[in-house]
Amino acid sequence: GPLLERRLMDVRLRELPLWVTTRDFSPQALLRGAQRAWDSYYNKYINVKKGGPAGVSMLLAGYCFLSYAWNYQHIKRYRWRKYH
């Protein structure tokens, strides 16, 4: 189909720059995309009959990663200051 209607997983690597330029990056579009991603995640991992720890553990791992990324500069400075 047309490049505009393809999902990210269906785009070939050489078509990626053109596909990115066709995307809408307005605040409303970004919020809609985040809502679609959350709904997909929730329905796949959280809202199931026989749930397991996978969904919650992914949220926890994501939180740990973001927390580390946000504090990386502070952690890096502390690491160098620790022994000097």
Protein backbone atom coordinates (compact mmCIF):
# COMPACT_ATOMS: atom_id res chain seq x y z
CA GLY A 1 0.00 0.00 0.00
CA PRO A 2 0.94 3.64 0.08
CA LEU A 3 3.78 4.59 2.35
CA LEU A 4 1.58 6.87 4.44
CA GLU A 5 -0.71 4.00 5.48
CA ARG A 6 2.02 1.52 6.43
CA ARG A 7 2.94 0.77 10.00
CA LEU A 8 6.53 1.17 11.20
CA MET A 9 7.13 -2.59 11.19
CA ASP A 10 6.08 -2.79 7.53
CA VAL A 11 8.45 -0.07 6.28
CA ARG A 12 11.71 -1.10 4.66
CA LEU A 13 14.90 0.47 5.95
CA ARG A 14 15.55 2.48 2.79
CA GLU A 15 12.00 3.90 2.97
CA LEU A 16 12.33 4.95 6.62
CA PRO A 17 13.42 8.59 6.11
CA LEU A 18 10.55 9.22 3.67
CA TRP A 19 8.10 7.47 6.02
CA VAL A 20 9.21 9.65 8.96
CA THR A 21 8.65 12.81 6.92
CA THR A 22 5.05 11.75 6.21
CA ARG A 23 4.22 11.43 9.92
CA ASP A 24 2.26 14.08 11.81
CA PHE A 25 4.22 15.34 14.82
CA SER A 26 1.63 17.73 16.21
CA PRO A 27 0.92 17.50 19.95
CA GLN A 28 -2.51 15.95 19.31
CA ALA A 29 -1.02 13.29 17.02
CA LEU A 30 1.67 12.45 19.58
CA LEU A 31 -0.95 12.12 22.30
CA ARG A 32 -3.08 9.88 20.07
CA GLY A 33 -0.04 7.71 19.37
CA ALA A 34 0.81 7.45 23.06
CA GLN A 35 -2.81 6.53 23.83
CA ARG A 36 -2.81 3.85 21.12
CA ALA A 37 0.47 2.45 22.45
CA TRP A 38 -0.87 2.36 26.03
CA ASP A 39 -4.13 0.70 24.93
CA SER A 40 -2.20 -1.91 22.98
CA TYR A 41 0.15 -2.61 25.90
CA TYR A 42 -2.70 -2.72 28.40
CA ASN A 43 -4.80 -5.11 26.33
CA LYS A 44 -1.86 -7.39 25.58
CA TYR A 45 -0.24 -7.66 29.02
CA ILE A 46 -2.51 -6.30 31.76
CA ASN A 47 -6.14 -6.90 30.73
CA VAL A 48 -5.94 -10.68 30.24
CA LYS A 49 -7.73 -13.65 31.82
CA LYS A 50 -4.60 -15.40 33.04
CA GLY A 51 -2.14 -12.65 33.80
CA GLY A 52 1.43 -13.01 34.87
CA PRO A 53 4.16 -10.75 36.14
CA ALA A 54 5.32 -9.81 32.61
CA GLY A 55 3.24 -6.67 32.17
CA VAL A 56 4.02 -5.16 35.55
CA SER A 57 7.69 -6.14 35.35
CA MET A 58 7.99 -4.37 31.98
CA LEU A 59 6.54 -1.21 33.51
CA LEU A 60 9.01 -1.49 36.39
CA ALA A 61 11.93 -2.08 34.02
CA GLY A 62 10.88 0.91 31.93
CA TYR A 63 10.68 3.08 35.03
CA CYS A 64 14.16 1.95 36.14
CA PHE A 65 15.60 2.69 32.71
CA LEU A 66 14.03 6.16 32.51
CA SER A 67 15.09 6.97 36.06
CA TYR A 68 18.67 5.97 35.30
CA ALA A 69 18.66 7.93 32.03
CA TRP A 70 17.32 11.07 33.72
CA ASN A 71 19.92 10.86 36.51
CA TYR A 72 22.88 9.72 34.39
CA GLN A 73 24.75 13.03 34.46
CA HIS A 74 24.52 13.19 38.24
CA ILE A 75 25.57 9.55 38.62
CA LYS A 76 28.50 10.04 36.25
CA ARG A 77 29.78 13.07 38.18
CA TYR A 78 29.48 11.19 41.48
CA ARG A 79 31.41 8.24 40.07
CA TRP A 80 34.39 10.46 39.18
CA ARG A 81 34.24 12.39 42.45
CA LYS A 82 34.08 9.26 44.61
CA TYR A 83 37.80 8.40 44.53
CA HIS A 84 39.36 11.82 44.04
